[in-house]
Amino acid sequence: MLKRKWSLMTVSADIRSQKVRVDMFGKDFLNNPYPDYVRLREEEPVHWDNRLNGWVITRHSDVYAAHLDPETFSSHRLGAMVSNKVGPTSSDEMKRFMDLAPEWMLFRDPPDHTRIRRLLNREFRARDMRALRPAIEEIATEVIRRAAGKGEFDLVKDFAYQLPGRVLATMYGLPSAEGTRLTDWWYEIRHMQRVFLGADPTQVAPSGSPTAEAFSQMTPYLAELIGDRRSRPKDDLVTRVIAIAERGEEEALGLSEQEMFAHLLLLPLASFGTTMDLIGNGVLGLLGQRDQWDLLKDEPELIPSAVEEVLRYDASVQLTHRLVTRDIEVAGQPIAGGELVYLVRGAANRDPERWPAPDRIDVRRHDSGHVGFGVGIHRCLGAGLAQVITAAALKVLTQCVPGLSPVPDRPHRWKADTPQFRGLAEFPVRGER
């Protein structure tokens, strides 16, 4: 697809009309945003949101094009998003988190982004992720057999929550069982990201909170792990990222010490929760459209396309944000340089202008084109890993518990705590073989 040539203009007035009233932080929206996405796409595809202090963009063509234009839609947006939100009253843990966050490549533009991405891409090549498949399937089989042995279990807590953490622990050269402790830390630390979307900083990781405690335990643990790998290298991800940083001291092209630490924290933090949510969202969708679940049981070769389809249908990352670098016009709406925009992947992925019957799962669709992992230079670094883990989850579930079904009198429950991430808090199921 060719890069969109945006209409350039001078924005001389504050034109921030709201034709559609949407509360993106309300419980109804957070439990099911898709009806509101329809209204926004049809009536106001570029919509101003006061709480987000930015423009919400929902059509696939606009969202896709913006991802491919990092010069206009900059990722160097953290300062604009958290200005005056983390101050003297914030906890020490929150301040340390915000010292590390600007180092992450997802908040960087070229050439810094290009440098970091080029180095870390070596550790997430598609063929290497595929090579992990047998080990990941073995872990998934062990986890589901333990869960299904209960008869009824929570697909989130007993399976989706367990699997990515154990895989990531293995990649970090740690015992698989250590994944439980790491998972608990990562899950809590994710709450710190709420500050990026207008959360009250006095409520984000106050001193003594579970989130602050998790961060205060995780950071020295990671520092100790780095020290251990420096003295006793292993064939694992931590050792290889350390080597990249040490080469950088000589070449001035690698990772700084701060960048290394930040990314060893980011990689599991970014991939654990979103993969967990993708598994839960995907299984919920497939069990709600039982014919598609049955297709995967009968034709497991469809699982790779099913992963792409459930990601399109109900993405774990619903939106991402950018900072506009110049005055432009999108879908007839003026946007001034320096303003924030929110690219709503969840809305774009169900745009009927792009897909027929977008509100249905079709595991035979074989037409990804979605923006669930992002596109362009900021496509999710761990996309290949998430695909392999989710594919392993679907394969093991359809083979080990083909009669899996929701528990009728115990409905699922969404986390419903942020418009950026979408995932289940609870999903009681019955594991019939």
Protein backbone atom coordinates (compact mmCIF):
# COMPACT_ATOMS: atom_id res chain seq x y z
CA MET A 1 0.00 0.00 0.00
CA LEU A 2 1.30 3.45 -0.91
CA LYS A 3 1.89 6.00 1.79
CA ARG A 4 -1.05 8.36 2.18
CA LYS A 5 -0.43 11.97 1.16
CA TRP A 6 -2.20 13.83 3.92
CA SER A 7 -3.87 17.14 3.22
CA LEU A 8 -1.61 19.80 4.72
CA MET A 9 -3.19 22.93 6.07
CA THR A 10 -2.90 25.72 8.59
CA VAL A 11 -5.11 25.17 11.63
CA SER A 12 -6.14 28.65 12.71
CA ALA A 13 -9.08 27.79 14.96
CA ASP A 14 -9.86 25.22 17.63
CA ILE A 15 -12.24 22.96 15.71
CA ARG A 16 -13.07 20.17 18.12
CA SER A 17 -16.70 19.29 17.57
CA GLN A 18 -18.20 16.14 19.02
CA LYS A 19 -21.07 14.83 16.95
CA VAL A 20 -20.97 11.48 18.72
CA ARG A 21 -21.05 11.19 22.50
CA VAL A 22 -18.87 8.30 23.63
CA ASP A 23 -17.49 7.61 27.09
CA MET A 24 -14.39 5.56 26.35
CA PHE A 25 -13.78 5.06 30.07
CA GLY A 26 -17.34 3.98 30.89
CA LYS A 27 -18.08 0.40 31.89
CA ASP A 28 -20.48 -0.20 29.00
CA PHE A 29 -17.84 0.86 26.49
CA LEU A 30 -15.05 -1.08 28.17
CA ASN A 31 -17.15 -4.24 28.30
CA ASN A 32 -18.12 -3.95 24.63
CA PRO A 33 -16.69 -1.04 22.61
CA TYR A 34 -17.77 -2.35 19.21
CA PRO A 35 -21.23 -0.69 18.95
CA ASP A 36 -19.62 2.68 19.68
CA TYR A 37 -16.91 1.97 17.14
CA VAL A 38 -19.64 1.57 14.51
CA ARG A 39 -21.09 4.98 15.39
CA LEU A 40 -17.69 6.63 15.33
CA ARG A 41 -16.66 5.11 11.99
CA GLU A 42 -19.95 6.05 10.36
CA GLU A 43 -20.68 9.44 11.92
CA GLU A 44 -17.39 10.90 13.14
CA PRO A 45 -14.33 8.89 12.04
CA VAL A 46 -12.04 11.53 13.57
CA HIS A 47 -13.47 12.32 16.99
CA TRP A 48 -12.15 14.58 19.77
CA ASP A 49 -12.05 12.99 23.24
CA ASN A 50 -11.61 15.35 26.19
CA ARG A 51 -10.46 12.66 28.62
CA LEU A 52 -7.78 11.47 26.22
CA ASN A 53 -7.00 15.04 25.16
CA GLY A 54 -6.64 13.88 21.58
CA TRP A 55 -8.25 12.75 18.34
CA VAL A 56 -9.72 9.26 18.07
CA ILE A 57 -9.35 7.76 14.56
CA THR A 58 -11.42 4.68 13.73
CA ARG A 59 -11.54 3.89 9.98
CA HIS A 60 -9.23 1.17 8.73
CA SER A 61 -7.88 3.21 5.81
CA ASP A 62 -6.94 6.12 8.07
CA VAL A 63 -5.51 3.98 10.89
CA TYR A 64 -3.49 1.83 8.50
CA ALA A 65 -2.09 4.83 6.64
CA ALA A 66 -1.13 6.61 9.86
CA HIS A 67 0.87 3.57 11.02
CA LEU A 68 2.85 3.79 7.78
CA ASP A 69 3.71 7.47 8.17
CA PRO A 70 5.95 7.80 11.24
CA GLU A 71 7.20 11.21 10.09
CA THR A 72 3.72 12.72 10.50
CA PHE A 73 2.50 10.43 13.28
CA SER A 74 5.43 10.42 15.66
CA SER A 75 5.98 7.85 18.40
CA HIS A 76 7.96 10.38 20.42
CA ARG A 77 4.79 11.23 22.31
CA LEU A 78 5.41 10.27 25.91
CA GLY A 79 6.13 13.81 27.09
CA ALA A 80 2.88 15.10 25.61
CA MET A 81 0.93 12.28 27.25
CA VAL A 82 2.29 12.41 30.78
CA SER A 83 3.17 16.08 31.15
CA ASN A 84 2.28 17.20 34.70
CA LYS A 85 0.99 13.72 35.55
CA VAL A 86 4.03 12.39 37.37
CA GLY A 87 5.32 14.88 39.90
CA PRO A 88 6.70 15.23 43.43
CA THR A 89 3.77 13.38 45.00
CA SER A 90 4.18 10.29 42.80
CA SER A 91 5.73 7.20 44.37
CA ASP A 92 9.45 6.48 43.91
CA GLU A 93 8.50 3.36 41.95
CA MET A 94 6.36 5.37 39.53
CA LYS A 95 9.18 7.86 39.01
CA ARG A 96 11.64 5.05 38.28
CA PHE A 97 9.17 3.50 35.85
CA MET A 98 8.87 6.83 34.05
CA ASP A 99 12.67 7.09 33.89
CA LEU A 100 12.76 3.79 32.01
CA ALA A 101 9.72 4.22 29.76
CA PRO A 102 11.27 6.88 27.46
CA GLU A 103 14.01 4.38 26.60
CA TRP A 104 11.52 1.95 25.04
CA MET A 105 11.58 1.76 21.27
CA LEU A 106 7.79 2.14 21.09
CA PHE A 107 8.29 5.76 22.21
CA ARG A 108 11.19 6.46 19.84
CA ASP A 109 11.43 7.67 16.24
CA PRO A 110 14.21 6.99 13.74
CA PRO A 111 17.15 6.96 13.93
CA ASP A 112 17.06 5.77 17.57
CA HIS A 113 14.14 3.45 16.89
CA THR A 114 15.88 2.03 13.82
CA ARG A 115 19.04 1.32 15.80
CA ILE A 116 17.28 -0.44 18.68
CA ARG A 117 14.85 -2.33 16.46
CA ARG A 118 17.62 -3.60 14.18
CA LEU A 119 19.52 -5.00 17.15
CA LEU A 120 16.56 -6.64 18.90
CA ASN A 121 15.06 -8.00 15.68
CA ARG A 122 17.83 -10.59 15.74
CA GLU A 123 16.26 -12.15 18.82
CA PHE A 124 12.72 -12.34 17.41
CA ARG A 125 13.21 -13.63 13.88
CA ALA A 126 10.20 -15.57 12.59
CA ARG A 127 12.14 -18.77 11.95
CA ASP A 128 13.55 -18.71 15.47
CA MET A 129 10.09 -18.21 16.94
CA ARG A 130 8.77 -21.15 14.90
CA ALA A 131 11.64 -23.27 16.21
CA LEU A 132 10.28 -22.71 19.71
CA ARG A 133 6.92 -24.28 18.78
CA PRO A 134 7.55 -27.83 20.13
CA ALA A 135 8.75 -26.53 23.50
CA ILE A 136 5.84 -24.10 23.76
CA GLU A 137 3.31 -26.80 22.88
CA GLU A 138 4.84 -29.03 25.56
CA ILE A 139 4.41 -26.28 28.16
CA ALA A 140 0.84 -25.60 26.97
CA THR A 141 -0.04 -29.30 27.20
CA GLU A 142 1.27 -29.52 30.74
CA VAL A 143 -0.67 -26.42 31.80
CA ILE A 144 -4.00 -27.46 30.24
CA ARG A 145 -3.85 -31.00 31.59
CA ARG A 146 -3.42 -29.66 35.09
CA ALA A 147 -6.28 -27.17 34.60
CA ALA A 148 -8.65 -29.57 32.84
CA GLY A 149 -8.16 -32.13 35.58
CA LYS A 150 -10.38 -29.93 37.75
CA GLY A 151 -13.36 -30.44 35.44
CA GLU A 152 -14.32 -26.77 35.66
CA PHE A 153 -11.59 -24.14 35.59
CA ASP A 154 -10.92 -20.51 34.79
CA LEU A 155 -9.43 -20.28 31.31
CA VAL A 156 -7.77 -16.97 32.24
CA LYS A 157 -6.27 -17.76 35.63
CA ASP A 158 -5.53 -21.44 35.05
CA PHE A 159 -4.34 -21.33 31.42
CA ALA A 160 -3.98 -18.01 29.56
CA TYR A 161 -2.35 -16.35 32.57
CA GLN A 162 0.10 -19.22 33.05
CA LEU A 163 1.29 -20.02 29.54
CA PRO A 164 3.04 -16.82 28.32
CA GLY A 165 4.84 -16.32 31.62
CA ARG A 166 6.26 -19.82 31.61
CA VAL A 167 7.40 -19.44 27.99
CA LEU A 168 9.07 -16.10 28.72
CA ALA A 169 10.79 -17.50 31.80
CA THR A 170 12.28 -20.22 29.61
CA MET A 171 13.47 -17.61 27.08
CA TYR A 172 15.14 -15.70 29.94
CA GLY A 173 17.02 -18.85 30.91
CA LEU A 174 14.98 -19.42 34.05
CA PRO A 175 13.13 -22.54 35.20
CA SER A 176 9.68 -22.70 33.65
CA ALA A 177 8.11 -22.80 37.11
CA GLU A 178 9.70 -19.41 37.86
CA GLY A 179 7.21 -18.00 35.38
CA THR A 180 4.55 -17.86 38.11
CA ARG A 181 6.47 -15.34 40.18
CA LEU A 182 7.44 -13.30 37.12
CA THR A 183 3.87 -13.37 35.82
CA ASP A 184 2.53 -11.98 39.08
CA TRP A 185 5.03 -9.11 38.93
CA TRP A 186 4.40 -8.34 35.26
CA TYR A 187 0.65 -8.37 35.75
CA GLU A 188 0.86 -5.79 38.53
CA ILE A 189 3.43 -3.59 36.78
CA ARG A 190 1.14 -3.26 33.76
CA HIS A 191 -1.10 -1.01 35.88
CA MET A 192 1.59 1.66 35.75
CA GLN A 193 0.79 2.13 32.07
CA ARG A 194 -2.58 3.60 33.03
CA VAL A 195 -0.86 6.94 33.47
CA PHE A 196 -0.36 7.07 29.69
CA LEU A 197 -4.13 7.27 29.16
CA GLY A 198 -5.27 9.99 31.51
CA ALA A 199 -5.28 8.02 34.75
CA ASP A 200 -4.95 10.00 37.97
CA PRO A 201 -1.25 9.65 38.92
CA THR A 202 -2.11 9.72 42.62
CA GLN A 203 -3.91 6.42 42.01
CA VAL A 204 -1.18 4.83 39.89
CA ALA A 205 1.32 2.80 41.91
CA PRO A 206 1.20 4.75 45.18
CA SER A 207 3.89 3.69 47.63
CA GLY A 208 2.98 0.42 49.32
CA SER A 209 0.48 -0.62 46.64
CA PRO A 210 0.76 -4.10 45.06
CA THR A 211 1.89 -2.45 41.80
CA ALA A 212 4.66 -0.45 43.49
CA GLU A 213 5.73 -3.50 45.50
CA ALA A 214 5.91 -5.63 42.33
CA PHE A 215 8.08 -3.04 40.60
CA SER A 216 10.33 -2.65 43.65
CA GLN A 217 10.89 -6.43 43.67
CA MET A 218 11.17 -6.93 39.91
CA THR A 219 13.85 -4.32 39.24
CA PRO A 220 16.50 -5.68 41.66
CA TYR A 221 15.62 -9.22 40.51
CA LEU A 222 16.32 -8.20 36.92
CA ALA A 223 19.51 -6.38 37.94
CA GLU A 224 20.72 -9.51 39.74
CA LEU A 225 19.84 -11.66 36.73
CA ILE A 226 21.86 -9.36 34.46
CA GLY A 227 24.82 -9.51 36.84
CA ASP A 228 24.62 -13.32 36.94
CA ARG A 229 24.54 -13.61 33.13
CA ARG A 230 27.54 -11.30 32.83
CA SER A 231 29.60 -13.58 35.08
CA ARG A 232 28.05 -16.85 33.84
CA PRO A 233 26.68 -16.41 30.28
CA LYS A 234 24.03 -18.81 29.01
CA ASP A 235 22.33 -19.41 25.69
CA ASP A 236 19.33 -17.27 26.56
CA LEU A 237 17.73 -13.95 25.67
CA VAL A 238 19.19 -12.05 28.65
CA THR A 239 22.77 -13.05 27.79
CA ARG A 240 22.33 -12.10 24.15
CA VAL A 241 20.81 -8.67 24.93
CA ILE A 242 23.69 -8.00 27.36
CA ALA A 243 26.13 -8.85 24.56
CA ILE A 244 24.39 -6.34 22.29
CA ALA A 245 24.81 -3.66 24.94
CA GLU A 246 28.47 -4.46 25.52
CA ARG A 247 29.23 -4.37 21.80
CA GLY A 248 27.52 -1.01 21.69
CA GLU A 249 30.07 0.46 24.08
CA GLU A 250 32.71 -0.18 21.41
CA GLU A 251 30.66 0.48 18.28
CA ALA A 252 28.41 3.29 19.60
CA LEU A 253 25.69 1.49 17.67
CA GLY A 254 24.34 -0.88 20.30
CA LEU A 255 22.25 -0.43 23.43
CA SER A 256 23.19 1.76 26.35
CA GLU A 257 23.06 0.22 29.82
CA GLN A 258 19.79 2.04 30.51
CA GLU A 259 18.29 0.93 27.18
CA MET A 260 19.31 -2.66 27.86
CA PHE A 261 17.68 -2.71 31.29
CA ALA A 262 14.56 -0.95 30.02
CA HIS A 263 14.05 -3.41 27.17
CA LEU A 264 14.67 -6.50 29.27
CA LEU A 265 11.85 -5.15 31.44
CA LEU A 266 9.68 -4.11 28.48
CA LEU A 267 9.84 -7.27 26.38
CA PRO A 268 7.98 -9.51 28.83
CA LEU A 269 5.84 -6.66 30.13
CA ALA A 270 4.60 -5.84 26.62
CA SER A 271 4.16 -9.41 25.39
CA PHE A 272 2.91 -11.30 28.45
CA GLY A 273 -0.35 -9.42 29.06
CA THR A 274 -1.32 -8.91 25.44
CA THR A 275 -0.71 -12.59 24.61
CA MET A 276 -2.68 -13.69 27.66
CA ASP A 277 -5.57 -11.46 26.59
CA LEU A 278 -5.38 -12.61 22.97
CA ILE A 279 -5.75 -16.24 24.05
CA GLY A 280 -8.75 -15.45 26.26
CA ASN A 281 -10.46 -13.17 23.74
CA GLY A 282 -9.86 -15.64 20.94
CA VAL A 283 -11.22 -18.68 22.77
CA LEU A 284 -14.27 -16.71 23.94
CA GLY A 285 -14.99 -15.67 20.35
CA LEU A 286 -14.49 -19.17 18.97
CA LEU A 287 -16.68 -20.82 21.59
CA GLY A 288 -19.35 -18.20 20.90
CA GLN A 289 -19.24 -19.19 17.22
CA ARG A 290 -19.01 -22.91 17.77
CA ASP A 291 -18.80 -23.84 14.11
CA GLN A 292 -15.42 -22.09 13.94
CA TRP A 293 -14.15 -23.98 17.00
CA ASP A 294 -15.27 -27.23 15.41
CA LEU A 295 -13.41 -26.34 12.20
CA LEU A 296 -10.17 -26.03 14.16
CA LYS A 297 -10.77 -29.39 15.81
CA ASP A 298 -11.29 -31.05 12.44
CA GLU A 299 -8.76 -29.03 10.43
CA PRO A 300 -5.87 -28.00 12.70
CA GLU A 301 -3.99 -26.67 9.69
CA LEU A 302 -6.36 -23.67 9.93
CA ILE A 303 -4.93 -22.64 13.30
CA PRO A 304 -2.39 -20.11 11.91
CA SER A 305 -5.11 -18.25 10.02
CA ALA A 306 -7.38 -18.55 13.08
CA VAL A 307 -4.77 -16.70 15.17
CA GLU A 308 -4.81 -13.82 12.68
CA GLU A 309 -8.59 -13.84 12.55
CA VAL A 310 -9.21 -13.75 16.30
CA LEU A 311 -6.64 -10.98 16.55
CA ARG A 312 -8.59 -9.02 13.96
CA TYR A 313 -11.90 -9.83 15.61
CA ASP A 314 -11.05 -8.90 19.21
CA ALA A 315 -7.53 -7.52 19.59
CA SER A 316 -5.91 -7.36 23.00
CA VAL A 317 -4.42 -3.95 22.09
CA GLN A 318 -7.39 -1.80 21.09
CA LEU A 319 -5.59 1.45 20.41
CA THR A 320 -2.21 3.10 20.20
CA HIS A 321 -1.21 6.75 20.29
CA ARG A 322 0.87 9.12 18.21
CA LEU A 323 1.89 12.79 18.21
CA VAL A 324 1.12 14.70 15.00
CA THR A 325 4.16 16.64 13.84
CA ARG A 326 2.46 19.10 11.48
CA ASP A 327 -0.96 20.51 10.63
CA ILE A 328 -2.90 18.01 8.54
CA GLU A 329 -6.43 16.99 7.66
CA VAL A 330 -7.80 13.47 8.13
CA ALA A 331 -11.25 12.54 6.80
CA GLY A 332 -12.06 16.23 6.50
CA GLN A 333 -11.08 17.00 10.10
CA PRO A 334 -8.24 19.49 10.78
CA ILE A 335 -5.61 18.23 13.22
CA ALA A 336 -2.96 20.62 14.46
CA GLY A 337 0.70 19.77 14.75
CA GLY A 338 1.53 18.91 18.34
CA GLU A 339 -1.83 17.23 19.04
CA LEU A 340 -2.25 13.62 20.10
CA VAL A 341 -4.12 11.08 18.01
CA TYR A 342 -5.36 7.66 19.09
CA LEU A 343 -5.35 5.03 16.35
CA VAL A 344 -8.13 2.64 17.30
CA ARG A 345 -7.05 -0.74 16.02
CA GLY A 346 -10.14 -2.47 17.40
CA ALA A 347 -12.42 -0.25 15.31
CA ALA A 348 -10.22 -0.43 12.21
CA ASN A 349 -10.18 -4.22 12.36
CA ARG A 350 -13.96 -4.42 12.05
CA ASP A 351 -14.40 -1.84 9.31
CA PRO A 352 -16.96 -3.20 6.78
CA GLU A 353 -15.22 -1.15 4.09
CA ARG A 354 -12.27 -3.49 4.50
CA TRP A 355 -13.84 -6.88 5.34
CA PRO A 356 -17.19 -8.52 4.59
CA ALA A 357 -19.07 -9.63 7.72
CA PRO A 358 -16.42 -8.10 10.00
CA ASP A 359 -18.35 -8.93 13.19
CA ARG A 360 -17.99 -12.65 12.58
CA ILE A 361 -14.98 -14.89 13.02
CA ASP A 362 -14.07 -16.73 9.83
CA VAL A 363 -10.99 -18.90 10.33
CA ARG A 364 -10.87 -19.49 6.57
CA ARG A 365 -10.62 -15.77 5.82
CA HIS A 366 -6.89 -15.90 4.95
CA ASP A 367 -6.83 -12.11 4.57
CA SER A 368 -5.10 -10.56 7.52
CA GLY A 369 -4.62 -6.90 6.58
CA HIS A 370 -5.47 -6.13 10.19
CA VAL A 371 -3.62 -3.72 12.44
CA GLY A 372 -3.78 -5.86 15.57
CA PHE A 373 0.02 -5.98 15.82
CA GLY A 374 0.46 -2.60 14.19
CA VAL A 375 2.07 -2.19 10.77
CA GLY A 376 5.16 -0.45 9.48
CA ILE A 377 8.28 0.22 11.51
CA HIS A 378 6.44 -0.10 14.83
CA ARG A 379 4.87 -3.49 14.15
CA CYS A 380 5.01 -5.39 17.44
CA LEU A 381 8.50 -6.82 17.95
CA GLY A 382 7.06 -9.87 19.71
CA ALA A 383 4.33 -10.54 17.12
CA GLY A 384 5.96 -13.78 16.00
CA LEU A 385 6.24 -15.02 19.57
CA ALA A 386 2.62 -14.09 20.35
CA GLN A 387 1.47 -15.91 17.21
CA VAL A 388 3.35 -19.08 18.13
CA ILE A 389 2.10 -19.05 21.75
CA THR A 390 -1.51 -18.40 20.71
CA ALA A 391 -1.34 -21.08 18.00
CA ALA A 392 0.01 -23.54 20.55
CA ALA A 393 -2.80 -22.63 22.92
CA LEU A 394 -5.49 -23.22 20.28
CA LYS A 395 -3.90 -26.47 19.14
CA VAL A 396 -3.61 -27.90 22.65
CA LEU A 397 -7.10 -26.76 23.69
CA THR A 398 -8.84 -28.19 20.62
CA GLN A 399 -6.94 -31.47 20.95
CA CYS A 400 -6.87 -31.99 24.73
CA VAL A 401 -10.30 -30.54 25.59
CA PRO A 402 -12.26 -30.51 22.30
CA GLY A 403 -15.54 -30.31 24.21
CA LEU A 404 -14.49 -27.10 25.99
CA SER A 405 -17.49 -24.91 26.78
CA PRO A 406 -18.41 -21.93 28.98
CA VAL A 407 -19.95 -22.71 32.36
CA PRO A 408 -23.62 -21.64 31.88
CA ASP A 409 -24.27 -20.18 35.33
CA ARG A 410 -20.87 -18.47 35.69
CA PRO A 411 -20.53 -15.79 33.00
CA HIS A 412 -17.20 -14.41 31.85
CA ARG A 413 -16.07 -11.00 33.13
CA TRP A 414 -13.96 -8.36 31.36
CA LYS A 415 -11.19 -6.47 33.14
CA ALA A 416 -12.73 -3.24 31.75
CA ASP A 417 -10.10 -0.93 33.23
CA THR A 418 -8.62 0.87 30.20
CA PRO A 419 -9.68 1.55 26.60
CA GLN A 420 -6.18 0.65 25.40
CA PHE A 421 -6.10 -3.02 26.41
CA ARG A 422 -8.95 -5.50 26.19
CA GLY A 423 -8.97 -8.78 28.05
CA LEU A 424 -10.93 -11.07 30.29
CA ALA A 425 -10.64 -11.08 34.07
CA GLU A 426 -12.49 -14.39 34.41
CA PHE A 427 -13.72 -17.02 31.97
CA PRO A 428 -15.15 -20.12 33.71
CA VAL A 429 -15.13 -23.12 31.37
CA ARG A 430 -15.82 -26.80 31.51
CA GLY A 431 -13.03 -28.97 30.15
CA GLU A 432 -14.79 -31.90 28.51
CA ARG A 433 -12.52 -34.27 26.61
